[in-house]
C-alpha atoms as a PDB file:
ATOM      1  CA  MET A   1     113.540 102.934 104.767  1.00  0.00           C
ATOM      2  CA  ILE A   2     111.800 103.716 101.487  1.00  0.00           C
ATOM      3  CA  GLU A   3     108.444 102.285 100.487  1.00  0.00           C
ATOM      4  CA  VAL A   4     106.067 102.923  97.618  1.00  0.00           C
ATOM      5  CA  ILE A   5     102.706 104.400  98.640  1.00  0.00           C
ATOM      6  CA  ASP A   6      99.500 104.952  96.685  1.00  0.00           C
ATOM      7  CA  VAL A   7      98.990 108.480  95.380  1.00  0.00           C
ATOM      8  CA  GLU A   8      96.315 109.354  92.842  1.00  0.00           C
ATOM      9  CA  GLY A   9      97.477 110.600  89.481  1.00  0.00           C
ATOM     10  CA  ALA A  10      98.167 108.945  86.159  1.00  0.00           C
ATOM     11  CA  ASN A  11     101.869 109.703  86.202  1.00  0.00           C
ATOM     12  CA  VAL A  12     102.560 110.034  89.948  1.00  0.00           C
ATOM     13  CA  ILE A  13     104.698 107.669  92.003  1.00  0.00           C
ATOM     14  CA  GLY A  14     104.452 108.044  95.761  1.00  0.00           C
ATOM     15  CA  VAL A  15     107.124 107.086  98.274  1.00  0.00           C
ATOM     16  CA  ARG A  16     107.554 107.338 102.022  1.00  0.00           C
ATOM     17  CA  VAL A  17     111.085 107.753 103.366  1.00  0.00           C
ATOM     18  CA  GLN A  18     112.258 107.455 106.956  1.00  0.00           C
ATOM     19  CA  GLY A  19     115.769 107.044 108.285  1.00  0.00           C
ATOM     20  CA  LYS A  20     118.462 105.596 106.038  1.00  0.00           C
ATOM     21  CA  ILE A  21     117.605 104.065 102.654  1.00  0.00           C
ATOM     22  CA  GLN A  22     118.957 100.535 102.218  1.00  0.00           C
ATOM     23  CA  LYS A  23     119.861  98.860  98.909  1.00  0.00           C
ATOM     24  CA  ASP A  24     117.113  96.201  98.963  1.00  0.00           C
ATOM     25  CA  GLU A  25     114.415  98.790  99.681  1.00  0.00           C
ATOM     26  CA  MET A  26     115.730 101.045  96.922  1.00  0.00           C
ATOM     27  CA  LEU A  27     115.709  98.219  94.381  1.00  0.00           C
ATOM     28  CA  LYS A  28     112.061  97.488  95.165  1.00  0.00           C
ATOM     29  CA  ALA A  29     111.102 101.167  94.799  1.00  0.00           C
ATOM     30  CA  LEU A  30     113.116 101.470  91.579  1.00  0.00           C
ATOM     31  CA  ASP A  31     111.178  98.556  90.072  1.00  0.00           C
ATOM     32  CA  THR A  32     108.048 100.699  90.396  1.00  0.00           C
ATOM     33  CA  VAL A  33     109.820 103.683  88.841  1.00  0.00           C
ATOM     34  CA  LYS A  34     111.157 101.634  85.916  1.00  0.00           C
ATOM     35  CA  ASP A  35     107.700 100.168  85.258  1.00  0.00           C
ATOM     36  CA  ALA A  36     106.236 103.681  85.188  1.00  0.00           C
ATOM     37  CA  LEU A  37     108.958 104.891  82.822  1.00  0.00           C
ATOM     38  CA  ASP A  38     108.181 101.960  80.515  1.00  0.00           C
ATOM     39  CA  ASP A  39     104.524 103.029  80.389  1.00  0.00           C
ATOM     40  CA  MET A  40     104.722 106.843  80.483  1.00  0.00           C
ATOM     41  CA  GLU A  41     106.707 109.585  78.821  1.00  0.00           C
ATOM     42  CA  THR A  42     107.075 111.593  82.045  1.00  0.00           C
ATOM     43  CA  VAL A  43     106.804 110.781  85.735  1.00  0.00           C
ATOM     44  CA  ASN A  44     106.173 112.919  88.813  1.00  0.00           C
ATOM     45  CA  ILE A  45     107.298 111.934  92.307  1.00  0.00           C
ATOM     46  CA  TYR A  46     105.477 112.550  95.592  1.00  0.00           C
ATOM     47  CA  ALA A  47     107.691 111.896  98.636  1.00  0.00           C
ATOM     48  CA  GLU A  48     106.781 111.992 102.323  1.00  0.00           C
ATOM     49  CA  VAL A  49     110.065 112.284 104.201  1.00  0.00           C
ATOM     50  CA  ASP A  50     110.507 111.943 107.960  1.00  0.00           C
ATOM     51  CA  GLU A  51     113.976 112.131 109.528  1.00  0.00           C
ATOM     52  CA  PHE A  52     115.957 111.326 106.375  1.00  0.00           C
ATOM     53  CA  GLU A  53     119.424 110.047 107.323  1.00  0.00           C
ATOM     54  CA  GLY A  54     120.860 109.405 103.862  1.00  0.00           C
ATOM     55  CA  PHE A  55     121.490 106.445 101.576  1.00  0.00           C
ATOM     56  CA  GLU A  56     123.455 103.265 101.891  1.00  0.00           C
ATOM     57  CA  VAL A  57     126.141 103.692  99.172  1.00  0.00           C
ATOM     58  CA  GLN A  58     124.784 100.867  96.999  1.00  0.00           C
ATOM     59  CA  ALA A  59     121.244 102.273  97.294  1.00  0.00           C
ATOM     60  CA  PHE A  60     122.459 105.657  96.075  1.00  0.00           C
ATOM     61  CA  LEU A  61     124.347 104.139  93.142  1.00  0.00           C
ATOM     62  CA  HIS A  62     121.295 102.159  92.002  1.00  0.00           C
ATOM     63  CA  ASP A  63     119.159 105.295  92.289  1.00  0.00           C
ATOM     64  CA  MET A  64     121.572 107.237  90.089  1.00  0.00           C
ATOM     65  CA  ARG A  65     121.621 104.441  87.472  1.00  0.00           C
ATOM     66  CA  VAL A  66     117.901 104.992  86.937  1.00  0.00           C
ATOM     67  CA  ALA A  67     117.618 108.719  87.660  1.00  0.00           C
ATOM     68  CA  LEU A  68     120.455 110.142  85.575  1.00  0.00           C
ATOM     69  CA  PRO A  69     119.628 108.580  82.178  1.00  0.00           C
ATOM     70  CA  ASN A  70     115.963 109.525  82.691  1.00  0.00           C
ATOM     71  CA  ALA A  71     116.443 112.949  84.294  1.00  0.00           C
ATOM     72  CA  LEU A  72     114.483 114.814  81.620  1.00  0.00           C
ATOM     73  CA  ARG A  73     111.513 112.484  82.105  1.00  0.00           C
ATOM     74  CA  PHE A  74     111.060 113.425  85.774  1.00  0.00           C
ATOM     75  CA  ARG A  75     109.008 116.632  85.697  1.00  0.00           C
ATOM     76  CA  LYS A  76     107.938 117.319  89.275  1.00  0.00           C
ATOM     77  CA  GLU A  77     108.863 116.162  92.733  1.00  0.00           C
ATOM     78  CA  ALA A  78     106.733 117.191  95.694  1.00  0.00           C
ATOM     79  CA  VAL A  79     108.621 116.617  98.941  1.00  0.00           C
ATOM     80  CA  VAL A  80     106.604 116.708 102.152  1.00  0.00           C
ATOM     81  CA  THR A  81     108.901 117.270 105.125  1.00  0.00           C
ATOM     82  CA  ASN A  82     109.663 119.498 108.084  1.00  0.00           C
ATOM     83  CA  GLN A  83     113.367 118.605 107.991  1.00  0.00           C
ATOM     84  CA  GLU A  84     115.301 121.860 107.420  1.00  0.00           C
ATOM     85  CA  SER A  85     118.436 120.252 105.959  1.00  0.00           C
ATOM     86  CA  LEU A  86     116.354 118.485 103.325  1.00  0.00           C
ATOM     87  CA  LYS A  87     114.567 121.712 102.401  1.00  0.00           C
ATOM     88  CA  LYS A  88     117.973 123.254 101.643  1.00  0.00           C
ATOM     89  CA  TRP A  89     118.986 120.249  99.532  1.00  0.00           C
ATOM     90  CA  ILE A  90     115.775 120.521  97.488  1.00  0.00           C
ATOM     91  CA  TYR A  91     116.456 124.217  96.880  1.00  0.00           C
ATOM     92  CA  PHE A  92     119.958 123.346  95.604  1.00  0.00           C
ATOM     93  CA  SER A  93     118.693 120.508  93.400  1.00  0.00           C
ATOM     94  CA  ASN A  94     116.326 122.921  91.647  1.00  0.00           C
ATOM     95  CA  LEU A  95     119.320 124.974  90.553  1.00  0.00           C
ATOM     96  CA  ILE A  96     120.830 122.048  88.628  1.00  0.00           C
ATOM     97  CA  TRP A  97     117.763 120.001  87.614  1.00  0.00           C
ATOM     98  CA  LEU A  98     117.120 120.532  83.919  1.00  0.00           C
ATOM     99  CA  GLY A  99     113.545 120.148  82.780  1.00  0.00           C
ATOM    100  CA  GLY A 100     112.001 119.527  86.180  1.00  0.00           C
ATOM    101  CA  GLN A 101     111.047 121.165  89.430  1.00  0.00           C
ATOM    102  CA  ALA A 102     111.078 120.054  93.039  1.00  0.00           C
ATOM    103  CA  LYS A 103     108.970 121.802  95.630  1.00  0.00           C
ATOM    104  CA  VAL A 104     108.929 121.374  99.410  1.00  0.00           C
ATOM    105  CA  PHE A 105     105.708 121.296 101.417  1.00  0.00           C
ATOM    106  CA  SER A 106     105.393 121.132 105.195  1.00  0.00           C
ATOM    107  CA  THR A 107     103.741 118.051 106.659  1.00  0.00           C
ATOM    108  CA  ASP A 108     100.536 119.960 107.332  1.00  0.00           C
ATOM    109  CA  ASN A 109     100.285 120.773 103.593  1.00  0.00           C
ATOM    110  CA  ARG A 110     100.186 117.208 102.213  1.00  0.00           C
ATOM    111  CA  ASP A 111      96.993 117.858 100.271  1.00  0.00           C
ATOM    112  CA  ALA A 112      98.543 120.866  98.507  1.00  0.00           C
ATOM    113  CA  ALA A 113     101.605 118.764  97.635  1.00  0.00           C
ATOM    114  CA  ILE A 114      99.463 116.029  96.111  1.00  0.00           C
ATOM    115  CA  GLU A 115      97.403 118.539  94.142  1.00  0.00           C
ATOM    116  CA  TRP A 116     100.555 120.253  92.815  1.00  0.00           C
ATOM    117  CA  VAL A 117     102.290 117.037  91.733  1.00  0.00           C
ATOM    118  CA  GLN A 118      99.186 115.676  89.984  1.00  0.00           C
ATOM    119  CA  HIS A 119      99.012 118.518  87.458  1.00  0.00           C
ATOM    120  CA  PRO A 120     101.260 118.692  84.388  1.00  0.00           C
ATOM    121  CA  ALA A 121     104.306 120.940  84.531  1.00  0.00           C
END
């Protein structure tokens, strides 16, 4: 499941993820992302993740169709999770992400994650 959540910040999109992300949920979340990209030069992502189990294949493909052509426009991603495997994935993604930075925060540091993602890179 992925759903858009309210997070303060002019260029911040918030999402909550739990379990496996399905295509229809991803399309709804991507509508919000595309609208933000239409209005802003850069976008930051705040994600609360609990027990992430992956993507349905079609959900992943739709995500990549938006993310890859706009990769340089995503500046920061704050990921709030206690899931160890996801922390490792975020570390790896930082090695290949040009122009942006992802940072992991534990669930008891949500406020720090929001503060970090709200400020320009």
